[in-house]
Amino acid sequence: MIEAISAQIAPCLETNLYAHPTKKAKDLTRADREVSIIEFLFLAIRPRLVFCHSKEPIRFFEKATGCSGFDQDEVKRTRWHGHEFLIFGRPGPLYTLGPRRASELGAMLADRLRTEPWSQ
């Protein structure tokens, strides 16, 4: 489903919160939950939108930004490391969306990116 969302927002980067891949978050060890890679990518790319899904990435960005409620069908504007961006989250797994709803979600996020006033 991430492909249906990201196709609407191109160009974009899809990545995991942690560098170590696992099928389920519960399979990650404490050492696997290291965030220097996501911080490096964020600082290097300076995204205009962060879309996160599942509980752990949502909690990470809530703590990192102090922003909450972005996982309640509301796009919010926030800051991290001095960079302002939009954030949107979905608490559940993406496969429950279905392709049509995922495409609609991608279109909504793309529209928000186009209409958001950005400072230069």
PDB file of N, CA and C in Angstrom:
ATOM      1  N   MET A   1       0.807  -1.196   0.000  1.00  0.00           N
ATOM      2  CA  MET A   1       0.000   0.000   0.000  1.00  0.00           C
ATOM      3  C   MET A   1       0.851   1.262   0.000  1.00  0.00           C
ATOM      4  N   ILE A   2       2.080   1.151   0.524  1.00  0.00           N
ATOM      5  CA  ILE A   2       2.934   2.339   0.533  1.00  0.00           C
ATOM      6  C   ILE A   2       3.210   2.813  -0.886  1.00  0.00           C
ATOM      7  N   GLU A   3       3.252   1.885  -1.843  1.00  0.00           N
ATOM      8  CA  GLU A   3       3.485   2.258  -3.229  1.00  0.00           C
ATOM      9  C   GLU A   3       2.338   3.113  -3.770  1.00  0.00           C
ATOM     10  N   ALA A   4       1.104   2.774  -3.401  1.00  0.00           N
ATOM     11  CA  ALA A   4      -0.065   3.544  -3.852  1.00  0.00           C
ATOM     12  C   ALA A   4      -0.062   4.950  -3.259  1.00  0.00           C
ATOM     13  N   ILE A   5       0.429   5.069  -2.033  1.00  0.00           N
ATOM     14  CA  ILE A   5       0.515   6.382  -1.390  1.00  0.00           C
ATOM     15  C   ILE A   5       1.646   7.189  -2.013  1.00  0.00           C
ATOM     16  N   SER A   6       2.824   6.587  -2.088  1.00  0.00           N
ATOM     17  CA  SER A   6       3.995   7.327  -2.563  1.00  0.00           C
ATOM     18  C   SER A   6       3.906   7.671  -4.043  1.00  0.00           C
ATOM     19  N   ALA A   7       3.172   6.904  -4.835  1.00  0.00           N
ATOM     20  CA  ALA A   7       3.014   7.226  -6.259  1.00  0.00           C
ATOM     21  C   ALA A   7       2.364   8.598  -6.444  1.00  0.00           C
ATOM     22  N   GLN A   8       1.549   9.002  -5.504  1.00  0.00           N
ATOM     23  CA  GLN A   8       0.870  10.291  -5.580  1.00  0.00           C
ATOM     24  C   GLN A   8       1.784  11.451  -5.154  1.00  0.00           C
ATOM     25  N   ILE A   9       2.836  11.142  -4.408  1.00  0.00           N
ATOM     26  CA  ILE A   9       3.652  12.172  -3.769  1.00  0.00           C
ATOM     27  C   ILE A   9       5.037  12.310  -4.415  1.00  0.00           C
ATOM     28  N   ALA A  10       5.329  11.537  -5.420  1.00  0.00           N
ATOM     29  CA  ALA A  10       6.674  11.483  -6.002  1.00  0.00           C
ATOM     30  C   ALA A  10       7.233  12.868  -6.271  1.00  0.00           C
ATOM     31  N   PRO A  11       8.516  13.095  -6.090  1.00  0.00           N
ATOM     32  CA  PRO A  11       9.488  12.130  -5.602  1.00  0.00           C
ATOM     33  C   PRO A  11       9.414  12.000  -4.087  1.00  0.00           C
ATOM     34  N   CYS A  12       9.689  10.802  -3.613  1.00  0.00           N
ATOM     35  CA  CYS A  12       9.686  10.586  -2.174  1.00  0.00           C
ATOM     36  C   CYS A  12      10.653   9.457  -1.818  1.00  0.00           C
ATOM     37  N   LEU A  13      10.967   9.375  -0.559  1.00  0.00           N
ATOM     38  CA  LEU A  13      11.820   8.321  -0.036  1.00  0.00           C
ATOM     39  C   LEU A  13      11.013   7.519   0.958  1.00  0.00           C
ATOM     40  N   GLU A  14      11.023   6.240   0.785  1.00  0.00           N
ATOM     41  CA  GLU A  14      10.378   5.353   1.750  1.00  0.00           C
ATOM     42  C   GLU A  14      11.475   4.676   2.543  1.00  0.00           C
ATOM     43  N   THR A  15      11.382   4.744   3.864  1.00  0.00           N
ATOM     44  CA  THR A  15      12.377   4.108   4.715  1.00  0.00           C
ATOM     45  C   THR A  15      11.733   3.682   6.022  1.00  0.00           C
ATOM     46  N   ASN A  16      12.415   2.827   6.726  1.00  0.00           N
ATOM     47  CA  ASN A  16      11.968   2.407   8.051  1.00  0.00           C
ATOM     48  C   ASN A  16      12.593   3.320   9.098  1.00  0.00           C
ATOM     49  N   LEU A  17      12.023   3.304  10.269  1.00  0.00           N
ATOM     50  CA  LEU A  17      12.548   4.099  11.376  1.00  0.00           C
ATOM     51  C   LEU A  17      13.933   3.597  11.781  1.00  0.00           C
ATOM     52  N   TYR A  18      14.105   2.291  11.792  1.00  0.00           N
ATOM     53  CA  TYR A  18      15.373   1.685  12.189  1.00  0.00           C
ATOM     54  C   TYR A  18      16.025   1.018  10.987  1.00  0.00           C
ATOM     55  N   ALA A  19      17.344   0.927  11.010  1.00  0.00           N
ATOM     56  CA  ALA A  19      18.090   0.362   9.885  1.00  0.00           C
ATOM     57  C   ALA A  19      17.971  -1.155   9.807  1.00  0.00           C
ATOM     58  N   HIS A  20      17.707  -1.810  10.917  1.00  0.00           N
ATOM     59  CA  HIS A  20      17.637  -3.271  10.938  1.00  0.00           C
ATOM     60  C   HIS A  20      16.227  -3.741  10.541  1.00  0.00           C
ATOM     61  N   PRO A  21      16.094  -4.459   9.426  1.00  0.00           N
ATOM     62  CA  PRO A  21      14.760  -4.907   8.995  1.00  0.00           C
ATOM     63  C   PRO A  21      14.276  -6.150   9.758  1.00  0.00           C
ATOM     64  N   THR A  22      13.017  -6.120  10.147  1.00  0.00           N
ATOM     65  CA  THR A  22      12.365  -7.285  10.754  1.00  0.00           C
ATOM     66  C   THR A  22      10.925  -7.317  10.255  1.00  0.00           C
ATOM     67  N   LYS A  23      10.307  -8.484  10.319  1.00  0.00           N
ATOM     68  CA  LYS A  23       8.902  -8.585   9.912  1.00  0.00           C
ATOM     69  C   LYS A  23       7.994  -7.871  10.899  1.00  0.00           C
ATOM     70  N   LYS A  24       8.341  -7.916  12.176  1.00  0.00           N
ATOM     71  CA  LYS A  24       7.516  -7.287  13.212  1.00  0.00           C
ATOM     72  C   LYS A  24       8.402  -6.475  14.149  1.00  0.00           C
ATOM     73  N   ALA A  25       7.870  -5.379  14.631  1.00  0.00           N
ATOM     74  CA  ALA A  25       8.628  -4.504  15.531  1.00  0.00           C
ATOM     75  C   ALA A  25       9.068  -5.248  16.788  1.00  0.00           C
ATOM     76  N   LYS A  26       8.276  -6.192  17.247  1.00  0.00           N
ATOM     77  CA  LYS A  26       8.631  -6.924  18.473  1.00  0.00           C
ATOM     78  C   LYS A  26       9.904  -7.752  18.297  1.00  0.00           C
ATOM     79  N   ASP A  27      10.313  -8.006  17.048  1.00  0.00           N
ATOM     80  CA  ASP A  27      11.534  -8.762  16.785  1.00  0.00           C
ATOM     81  C   ASP A  27      12.794  -7.902  16.891  1.00  0.00           C
ATOM     82  N   LEU A  28      12.645  -6.597  17.028  1.00  0.00           N
ATOM     83  CA  LEU A  28      13.795  -5.707  17.161  1.00  0.00           C
ATOM     84  C   LEU A  28      14.386  -5.795  18.563  1.00  0.00           C
ATOM     85  N   THR A  29      15.695  -5.884  18.641  1.00  0.00           N
ATOM     86  CA  THR A  29      16.357  -5.846  19.941  1.00  0.00           C
ATOM     87  C   THR A  29      16.530  -4.388  20.351  1.00  0.00           C
ATOM     88  N   ARG A  30      16.963  -4.184  21.576  1.00  0.00           N
ATOM     89  CA  ARG A  30      17.219  -2.822  22.056  1.00  0.00           C
ATOM     90  C   ARG A  30      18.293  -2.155  21.179  1.00  0.00           C
ATOM     91  N   ALA A  31      19.323  -2.904  20.829  1.00  0.00           N
ATOM     92  CA  ALA A  31      20.399  -2.366  19.982  1.00  0.00           C
ATOM     93  C   ALA A  31      19.897  -2.023  18.578  1.00  0.00           C
ATOM     94  N   ASP A  32      18.895  -2.759  18.082  1.00  0.00           N
ATOM     95  CA  ASP A  32      18.333  -2.500  16.759  1.00  0.00           C
ATOM     96  C   ASP A  32      17.559  -1.179  16.708  1.00  0.00           C
ATOM     97  N   ARG A  33      17.130  -0.687  17.836  1.00  0.00           N
ATOM     98  CA  ARG A  33      16.277   0.501  17.891  1.00  0.00           C
ATOM     99  C   ARG A  33      17.107   1.797  17.942  1.00  0.00           C
ATOM    100  N   GLU A  34      18.123   1.846  17.150  1.00  0.00           N
ATOM    101  CA  GLU A  34      19.039   2.970  17.062  1.00  0.00           C
ATOM    102  C   GLU A  34      18.549   3.901  15.955  1.00  0.00           C
ATOM    103  N   VAL A  35      18.492   5.207  16.222  1.00  0.00           N
ATOM    104  CA  VAL A  35      17.846   6.140  15.287  1.00  0.00           C
ATOM    105  C   VAL A  35      18.799   7.077  14.549  1.00  0.00           C
ATOM    106  N   SER A  36      20.082   6.837  14.618  1.00  0.00           N
ATOM    107  CA  SER A  36      21.004   7.776  13.962  1.00  0.00           C
ATOM    108  C   SER A  36      20.802   7.806  12.451  1.00  0.00           C
ATOM    109  N   ILE A  37      20.410   6.701  11.839  1.00  0.00           N
ATOM    110  CA  ILE A  37      20.189   6.678  10.389  1.00  0.00           C
ATOM    111  C   ILE A  37      19.004   7.561  10.009  1.00  0.00           C
ATOM    112  N   ILE A  38      17.878   7.449  10.729  1.00  0.00           N
ATOM    113  CA  ILE A  38      16.705   8.262  10.385  1.00  0.00           C
ATOM    114  C   ILE A  38      17.005   9.746  10.633  1.00  0.00           C
ATOM    115  N   GLU A  39      17.766  10.050  11.677  1.00  0.00           N
ATOM    116  CA  GLU A  39      18.146  11.441  11.918  1.00  0.00           C
ATOM    117  C   GLU A  39      19.049  11.957  10.798  1.00  0.00           C
ATOM    118  N   PHE A  40      20.011  11.147  10.361  1.00  0.00           N
ATOM    119  CA  PHE A  40      20.889  11.535   9.257  1.00  0.00           C
ATOM    120  C   PHE A  40      20.078  11.803   7.995  1.00  0.00           C
ATOM    121  N   LEU A  41      19.170  10.876   7.643  1.00  0.00           N
ATOM    122  CA  LEU A  41      18.352  11.043   6.446  1.00  0.00           C
ATOM    123  C   LEU A  41      17.484  12.292   6.542  1.00  0.00           C
ATOM    124  N   PHE A  42      16.888  12.504   7.696  1.00  0.00           N
ATOM    125  CA  PHE A  42      16.034  13.674   7.895  1.00  0.00           C
ATOM    126  C   PHE A  42      16.821  14.967   7.684  1.00  0.00           C
ATOM    127  N   LEU A  43      17.993  15.053   8.284  1.00  0.00           N
ATOM    128  CA  LEU A  43      18.809  16.259   8.169  1.00  0.00           C
ATOM    129  C   LEU A  43      19.345  16.453   6.753  1.00  0.00           C
ATOM    130  N   ALA A  44      19.668  15.353   6.073  1.00  0.00           N
ATOM    131  CA  ALA A  44      20.202  15.448   4.714  1.00  0.00           C
ATOM    132  C   ALA A  44      19.120  15.811   3.703  1.00  0.00           C
ATOM    133  N   ILE A  45      17.935  15.250   3.863  1.00  0.00           N
ATOM    134  CA  ILE A  45      16.859  15.434   2.881  1.00  0.00           C
ATOM    135  C   ILE A  45      15.967  16.622   3.214  1.00  0.00           C
ATOM    136  N   ARG A  46      15.752  16.856   4.505  1.00  0.00           N
ATOM    137  CA  ARG A  46      14.863  17.924   4.968  1.00  0.00           C
ATOM    138  C   ARG A  46      13.493  17.817   4.280  1.00  0.00           C
ATOM    139  N   PRO A  47      12.768  16.754   4.573  1.00  0.00           N
ATOM    140  CA  PRO A  47      11.495  16.500   3.878  1.00  0.00           C
ATOM    141  C   PRO A  47      10.433  17.539   4.193  1.00  0.00           C
ATOM    142  N   ARG A  48       9.531  17.717   3.250  1.00  0.00           N
ATOM    143  CA  ARG A  48       8.370  18.586   3.487  1.00  0.00           C
ATOM    144  C   ARG A  48       7.237  17.804   4.132  1.00  0.00           C
ATOM    145  N   LEU A  49       7.283  16.472   4.034  1.00  0.00           N
ATOM    146  CA  LEU A  49       6.240  15.620   4.616  1.00  0.00           C
ATOM    147  C   LEU A  49       6.869  14.364   5.186  1.00  0.00           C
ATOM    148  N   VAL A  50       6.430  14.007   6.387  1.00  0.00           N
ATOM    149  CA  VAL A  50       6.764  12.715   6.972  1.00  0.00           C
ATOM    150  C   VAL A  50       5.441  11.989   7.182  1.00  0.00           C
ATOM    151  N   PHE A  51       5.328  10.824   6.577  1.00  0.00           N
ATOM    152  CA  PHE A  51       4.161   9.960   6.775  1.00  0.00           C
ATOM    153  C   PHE A  51       4.651   8.754   7.558  1.00  0.00           C
ATOM    154  N   CYS A  52       4.080   8.533   8.714  1.00  0.00           N
ATOM    155  CA  CYS A  52       4.499   7.364   9.483  1.00  0.00           C
ATOM    156  C   CYS A  52       3.288   6.511   9.806  1.00  0.00           C
ATOM    157  N   HIS A  53       3.541   5.217   9.830  1.00  0.00           N
ATOM    158  CA  HIS A  53       2.459   4.303  10.170  1.00  0.00           C
ATOM    159  C   HIS A  53       2.960   3.297  11.195  1.00  0.00           C
ATOM    160  N   SER A  54       2.062   2.873  11.999  1.00  0.00           N
ATOM    161  CA  SER A  54       2.293   1.950  13.117  1.00  0.00           C
ATOM    162  C   SER A  54       2.698   2.730  14.361  1.00  0.00           C
ATOM    163  N   LYS A  55       2.503   2.097  15.484  1.00  0.00           N
ATOM    164  CA  LYS A  55       2.638   2.779  16.770  1.00  0.00           C
ATOM    165  C   LYS A  55       4.040   3.316  17.053  1.00  0.00           C
ATOM    166  N   GLU A  56       5.061   2.507  16.808  1.00  0.00           N
ATOM    167  CA  GLU A  56       6.411   2.915  17.208  1.00  0.00           C
ATOM    168  C   GLU A  56       6.922   4.144  16.458  1.00  0.00           C
ATOM    169  N   PRO A  57       6.806   4.216  15.136  1.00  0.00           N
ATOM    170  CA  PRO A  57       7.223   5.445  14.457  1.00  0.00           C
ATOM    171  C   PRO A  57       6.400   6.668  14.877  1.00  0.00           C
ATOM    172  N   ILE A  58       5.122   6.463  15.114  1.00  0.00           N
ATOM    173  CA  ILE A  58       4.282   7.581  15.567  1.00  0.00           C
ATOM    174  C   ILE A  58       4.777   8.078  16.923  1.00  0.00           C
ATOM    175  N   ARG A  59       5.021   7.159  17.856  1.00  0.00           N
ATOM    176  CA  ARG A  59       5.533   7.561  19.174  1.00  0.00           C
ATOM    177  C   ARG A  59       6.882   8.257  19.056  1.00  0.00           C
ATOM    178  N   PHE A  60       7.746   7.752  18.169  1.00  0.00           N
ATOM    179  CA  PHE A  60       9.059   8.367  17.977  1.00  0.00           C
ATOM    180  C   PHE A  60       8.899   9.827  17.555  1.00  0.00           C
ATOM    181  N   PHE A  61       8.078  10.094  16.533  1.00  0.00           N
ATOM    182  CA  PHE A  61       7.930  11.459  16.039  1.00  0.00           C
ATOM    183  C   PHE A  61       7.153  12.342  17.011  1.00  0.00           C
ATOM    184  N   GLU A  62       6.245  11.775  17.796  1.00  0.00           N
ATOM    185  CA  GLU A  62       5.591  12.568  18.839  1.00  0.00           C
ATOM    186  C   GLU A  62       6.629  13.068  19.842  1.00  0.00           C
ATOM    187  N   LYS A  63       7.497  12.162  20.265  1.00  0.00           N
ATOM    188  CA  LYS A  63       8.529  12.528  21.238  1.00  0.00           C
ATOM    189  C   LYS A  63       9.552  13.487  20.630  1.00  0.00           C
ATOM    190  N   ALA A  64       9.981  13.230  19.402  1.00  0.00           N
ATOM    191  CA  ALA A  64      11.004  14.056  18.749  1.00  0.00           C
ATOM    192  C   ALA A  64      10.517  15.472  18.473  1.00  0.00           C
ATOM    193  N   THR A  65       9.237  15.611  18.120  1.00  0.00           N
ATOM    194  CA  THR A  65       8.720  16.915  17.698  1.00  0.00           C
ATOM    195  C   THR A  65       7.845  17.607  18.742  1.00  0.00           C
ATOM    196  N   GLY A  66       7.319  16.848  19.692  1.00  0.00           N
ATOM    197  CA  GLY A  66       6.363  17.418  20.641  1.00  0.00           C
ATOM    198  C   GLY A  66       4.975  17.568  20.047  1.00  0.00           C
ATOM    199  N   CYS A  67       4.790  17.090  18.831  1.00  0.00           N
ATOM    200  CA  CYS A  67       3.515  17.189  18.127  1.00  0.00           C
ATOM    201  C   CYS A  67       2.721  15.903  18.352  1.00  0.00           C
ATOM    202  N   SER A  68       1.441  16.051  18.622  1.00  0.00           N
ATOM    203  CA  SER A  68       0.592  14.866  18.780  1.00  0.00           C
ATOM    204  C   SER A  68      -0.694  15.059  17.993  1.00  0.00           C
ATOM    205  N   GLY A  69      -1.421  13.982  17.804  1.00  0.00           N
ATOM    206  CA  GLY A  69      -2.695  14.054  17.099  1.00  0.00           C
ATOM    207  C   GLY A  69      -2.578  13.919  15.596  1.00  0.00           C
ATOM    208  N   PHE A  70      -1.368  13.828  15.073  1.00  0.00           N
ATOM    209  CA  PHE A  70      -1.202  13.693  13.626  1.00  0.00           C
ATOM    210  C   PHE A  70      -1.587  12.297  13.136  1.00  0.00           C
ATOM    211  N   ASP A  71      -1.868  11.404  14.049  1.00  0.00           N
ATOM    212  CA  ASP A  71      -2.323  10.061  13.672  1.00  0.00           C
ATOM    213  C   ASP A  71      -3.843   9.927  13.780  1.00  0.00           C
ATOM    214  N   GLN A  72      -4.520  11.056  13.843  1.00  0.00           N
ATOM    215  CA  GLN A  72      -5.983  11.075  13.966  1.00  0.00           C
ATOM    216  C   GLN A  72      -6.634  11.695  12.735  1.00  0.00           C
ATOM    217  N   ASP A  73      -6.172  11.302  11.547  1.00  0.00           N
ATOM    218  CA  ASP A  73      -6.683  11.832  10.275  1.00  0.00           C
ATOM    219  C   ASP A  73      -6.496  13.332  10.147  1.00  0.00           C
ATOM    220  N   GLU A  74      -5.404  13.841  10.726  1.00  0.00           N
ATOM    221  CA  GLU A  74      -5.131  15.268  10.634  1.00  0.00           C
ATOM    222  C   GLU A  74      -3.664  15.494  10.281  1.00  0.00           C
ATOM    223  N   VAL A  75      -3.424  16.210   9.196  1.00  0.00           N
ATOM    224  CA  VAL A  75      -2.071  16.601   8.830  1.00  0.00           C
ATOM    225  C   VAL A  75      -1.701  17.788   9.708  1.00  0.00           C
ATOM    226  N   LYS A  76      -0.528  17.729  10.320  1.00  0.00           N
ATOM    227  CA  LYS A  76      -0.085  18.836  11.172  1.00  0.00           C
ATOM    228  C   LYS A  76       1.260  19.349  10.690  1.00  0.00           C
ATOM    229  N   ARG A  77       1.556  20.551  11.056  1.00  0.00           N
ATOM    230  CA  ARG A  77       2.853  21.159  10.758  1.00  0.00           C
ATOM    231  C   ARG A  77       3.667  21.128  12.043  1.00  0.00           C
ATOM    232  N   THR A  78       4.928  20.720  11.946  1.00  0.00           N
ATOM    233  CA  THR A  78       5.768  20.617  13.130  1.00  0.00           C
ATOM    234  C   THR A  78       7.217  20.876  12.761  1.00  0.00           C
ATOM    235  N   ARG A  79       8.103  20.800  13.751  1.00  0.00           N
ATOM    236  CA  ARG A  79       9.536  21.039  13.548  1.00  0.00           C
ATOM    237  C   ARG A  79      10.329  19.930  14.241  1.00  0.00           C
ATOM    238  N   TRP A  80      11.478  19.641  13.637  1.00  0.00           N
ATOM    239  CA  TRP A  80      12.455  18.742  14.254  1.00  0.00           C
ATOM    240  C   TRP A  80      13.822  19.176  13.757  1.00  0.00           C
ATOM    241  N   HIS A  81      14.767  19.286  14.632  1.00  0.00           N
ATOM    242  CA  HIS A  81      16.118  19.741  14.278  1.00  0.00           C
ATOM    243  C   HIS A  81      16.068  21.062  13.505  1.00  0.00           C
ATOM    244  N   GLY A  82      15.140  21.950  13.888  1.00  0.00           N
ATOM    245  CA  GLY A  82      15.043  23.262  13.260  1.00  0.00           C
ATOM    246  C   GLY A  82      14.400  23.278  11.883  1.00  0.00           C
ATOM    247  N   HIS A  83      13.905  22.149  11.425  1.00  0.00           N
ATOM    248  CA  HIS A  83      13.294  22.063  10.096  1.00  0.00           C
ATOM    249  C   HIS A  83      11.778  21.894  10.242  1.00  0.00           C
ATOM    250  N   GLU A  84      11.020  22.733   9.535  1.00  0.00           N
ATOM    251  CA  GLU A  84       9.560  22.673   9.581  1.00  0.00           C
ATOM    252  C   GLU A  84       9.046  21.769   8.460  1.00  0.00           C
ATOM    253  N   PHE A  85       8.066  20.930   8.786  1.00  0.00           N
ATOM    254  CA  PHE A  85       7.520  19.970   7.822  1.00  0.00           C
ATOM    255  C   PHE A  85       6.108  19.565   8.244  1.00  0.00           C
ATOM    256  N   LEU A  86       5.418  18.911   7.332  1.00  0.00           N
ATOM    257  CA  LEU A  86       4.104  18.358   7.622  1.00  0.00           C
ATOM    258  C   LEU A  86       4.287  16.930   8.107  1.00  0.00           C
ATOM    259  N   ILE A  87       3.391  16.505   8.984  1.00  0.00           N
ATOM    260  CA  ILE A  87       3.446  15.132   9.474  1.00  0.00           C
ATOM    261  C   ILE A  87       2.042  14.553   9.488  1.00  0.00           C
ATOM    262  N   PHE A  88       1.950  13.303   9.107  1.00  0.00           N
ATOM    263  CA  PHE A  88       0.683  12.583   9.108  1.00  0.00           C
ATOM    264  C   PHE A  88       0.977  11.145   9.482  1.00  0.00           C
ATOM    265  N   GLY A  89       0.128  10.568  10.276  1.00  0.00           N
ATOM    266  CA  GLY A  89       0.347   9.193  10.697  1.00  0.00           C
ATOM    267  C   GLY A  89      -0.915   8.366  10.618  1.00  0.00           C
ATOM    268  N   ARG A  90      -0.684   7.082  10.557  1.00  0.00           N
ATOM    269  CA  ARG A  90      -1.775   6.112  10.559  1.00  0.00           C
ATOM    270  C   ARG A  90      -1.394   5.011  11.534  1.00  0.00           C
ATOM    271  N   PRO A  91      -2.197   4.822  12.603  1.00  0.00           N
ATOM    272  CA  PRO A  91      -1.812   3.885  13.650  1.00  0.00           C
ATOM    273  C   PRO A  91      -1.727   2.420  13.199  1.00  0.00           C
ATOM    274  N   GLY A  92      -2.574   1.997  12.315  1.00  0.00           N
ATOM    275  CA  GLY A  92      -2.615   0.579  11.955  1.00  0.00           C
ATOM    276  C   GLY A  92      -1.726   0.219  10.791  1.00  0.00           C
ATOM    277  N   PRO A  93      -1.645  -1.064  10.497  1.00  0.00           N
ATOM    278  CA  PRO A  93      -0.849  -1.502   9.352  1.00  0.00           C
ATOM    279  C   PRO A  93      -1.458  -1.030   8.033  1.00  0.00           C
ATOM    280  N   LEU A  94      -0.600  -0.740   7.081  1.00  0.00           N
ATOM    281  CA  LEU A  94      -1.064  -0.186   5.810  1.00  0.00           C
ATOM    282  C   LEU A  94      -1.878  -1.166   4.982  1.00  0.00           C
ATOM    283  N   TYR A  95      -1.623  -2.460   5.127  1.00  0.00           N
ATOM    284  CA  TYR A  95      -2.358  -3.412   4.290  1.00  0.00           C
ATOM    285  C   TYR A  95      -3.861  -3.374   4.557  1.00  0.00           C
ATOM    286  N   THR A  96      -4.279  -2.836   5.687  1.00  0.00           N
ATOM    287  CA  THR A  96      -5.707  -2.749   5.980  1.00  0.00           C
ATOM    288  C   THR A  96      -6.402  -1.631   5.201  1.00  0.00           C
ATOM    289  N   LEU A  97      -5.620  -0.751   4.578  1.00  0.00           N
ATOM    290  CA  LEU A  97      -6.209   0.339   3.796  1.00  0.00           C
ATOM    291  C   LEU A  97      -6.873  -0.144   2.511  1.00  0.00           C
ATOM    292  N   GLY A  98      -6.217  -1.034   1.818  1.00  0.00           N
ATOM    293  CA  GLY A  98      -6.669  -1.408   0.490  1.00  0.00           C
ATOM    294  C   GLY A  98      -6.125  -0.421  -0.525  1.00  0.00           C
ATOM    295  N   PRO A  99      -5.972  -0.836  -1.788  1.00  0.00           N
ATOM    296  CA  PRO A  99      -5.342   0.020  -2.786  1.00  0.00           C
ATOM    297  C   PRO A  99      -6.091   1.323  -3.072  1.00  0.00           C
ATOM    298  N   ARG A 100      -7.401   1.274  -3.117  1.00  0.00           N
ATOM    299  CA  ARG A 100      -8.172   2.496  -3.427  1.00  0.00           C
ATOM    300  C   ARG A 100      -8.015   3.541  -2.332  1.00  0.00           C
ATOM    301  N   ARG A 101      -8.169   3.147  -1.088  1.00  0.00           N
ATOM    302  CA  ARG A 101      -8.043   4.083   0.038  1.00  0.00           C
ATOM    303  C   ARG A 101      -6.602   4.591   0.152  1.00  0.00           C
ATOM    304  N   ALA A 102      -5.624   3.735  -0.116  1.00  0.00           N
ATOM    305  CA  ALA A 102      -4.223   4.156  -0.076  1.00  0.00           C
ATOM    306  C   ALA A 102      -3.964   5.222  -1.136  1.00  0.00           C
ATOM    307  N   SER A 103      -4.506   5.031  -2.326  1.00  0.00           N
ATOM    308  CA  SER A 103      -4.349   6.011  -3.395  1.00  0.00           C
ATOM    309  C   SER A 103      -5.033   7.329  -3.026  1.00  0.00           C
ATOM    310  N   GLU A 104      -6.205   7.255  -2.427  1.00  0.00           N
ATOM    311  CA  GLU A 104      -6.910   8.460  -1.978  1.00  0.00           C
ATOM    312  C   GLU A 104      -6.109   9.196  -0.908  1.00  0.00           C
ATOM    313  N   LEU A 105      -5.516   8.442   0.010  1.00  0.00           N
ATOM    314  CA  LEU A 105      -4.692   9.040   1.057  1.00  0.00           C
ATOM    315  C   LEU A 105      -3.479   9.739   0.437  1.00  0.00           C
ATOM    316  N   GLY A 106      -2.834   9.079  -0.523  1.00  0.00           N
ATOM    317  CA  GLY A 106      -1.708   9.690  -1.224  1.00  0.00           C
ATOM    318  C   GLY A 106      -2.108  10.961  -1.935  1.00  0.00           C
ATOM    319  N   ALA A 107      -3.268  10.957  -2.580  1.00  0.00           N
ATOM    320  CA  ALA A 107      -3.758  12.150  -3.288  1.00  0.00           C
ATOM    321  C   ALA A 107      -4.028  13.288  -2.302  1.00  0.00           C
ATOM    322  N   MET A 108      -4.605  12.975  -1.143  1.00  0.00           N
ATOM    323  CA  MET A 108      -4.870  13.995  -0.128  1.00  0.00           C
ATOM    324  C   MET A 108      -3.562  14.607   0.365  1.00  0.00           C
ATOM    325  N   LEU A 109      -2.561  13.771   0.623  1.00  0.00           N
ATOM    326  CA  LEU A 109      -1.270  14.274   1.097  1.00  0.00           C
ATOM    327  C   LEU A 109      -0.579  15.110   0.011  1.00  0.00           C
ATOM    328  N   ALA A 110      -0.645  14.666  -1.239  1.00  0.00           N
ATOM    329  CA  ALA A 110      -0.054  15.418  -2.347  1.00  0.00           C
ATOM    330  C   ALA A 110      -0.725  16.785  -2.490  1.00  0.00           C
ATOM    331  N   ASP A 111      -2.045  16.818  -2.360  1.00  0.00           N
ATOM    332  CA  ASP A 111      -2.773  18.078  -2.447  1.00  0.00           C
ATOM    333  C   ASP A 111      -2.357  19.018  -1.316  1.00  0.00           C
ATOM    334  N   ARG A 112      -2.203  18.471  -0.126  1.00  0.00           N
ATOM    335  CA  ARG A 112      -1.784  19.286   1.017  1.00  0.00           C
ATOM    336  C   ARG A 112      -0.382  19.857   0.787  1.00  0.00           C
ATOM    337  N   LEU A 113       0.502  19.050   0.214  1.00  0.00           N
ATOM    338  CA  LEU A 113       1.848  19.545  -0.098  1.00  0.00           C
ATOM    339  C   LEU A 113       1.810  20.681  -1.106  1.00  0.00           C
ATOM    340  N   ARG A 114       0.939  20.563  -2.105  1.00  0.00           N
ATOM    341  CA  ARG A 114       0.822  21.601  -3.131  1.00  0.00           C
ATOM    342  C   ARG A 114       0.245  22.899  -2.603  1.00  0.00           C
ATOM    343  N   THR A 115      -0.660  22.809  -1.652  1.00  0.00           N
ATOM    344  CA  THR A 115      -1.374  24.005  -1.181  1.00  0.00           C
ATOM    345  C   THR A 115      -0.786  24.598   0.091  1.00  0.00           C
ATOM    346  N   GLU A 116       0.135  23.924   0.717  1.00  0.00           N
ATOM    347  CA  GLU A 116       0.728  24.413   1.955  1.00  0.00           C
ATOM    348  C   GLU A 116       1.624  25.618   1.663  1.00  0.00           C
ATOM    349  N   PRO A 117       1.446  26.717   2.407  1.00  0.00           N
ATOM    350  CA  PRO A 117       2.335  27.854   2.187  1.00  0.00           C
ATOM    351  C   PRO A 117       3.712  27.569   2.818  1.00  0.00           C
ATOM    352  N   TRP A 118       4.736  27.612   1.986  1.00  0.00           N
ATOM    353  CA  TRP A 118       6.096  27.323   2.449  1.00  0.00           C
ATOM    354  C   TRP A 118       6.909  28.607   2.438  1.00  0.00           C
ATOM    355  N   SER A 119       7.651  28.832   3.489  1.00  0.00           N
ATOM    356  CA  SER A 119       8.537  29.994   3.493  1.00  0.00           C
ATOM    357  C   SER A 119       9.788  29.650   2.694  1.00  0.00           C
ATOM    358  N   GLN A 120      10.339  30.635   2.055  1.00  0.00           N
ATOM    359  CA  GLN A 120      11.526  30.412   1.212  1.00  0.00           C
ATOM    360  C   GLN A 120      12.782  30.637   1.985  1.00  0.00           C
TER     361      GLN A 120
END
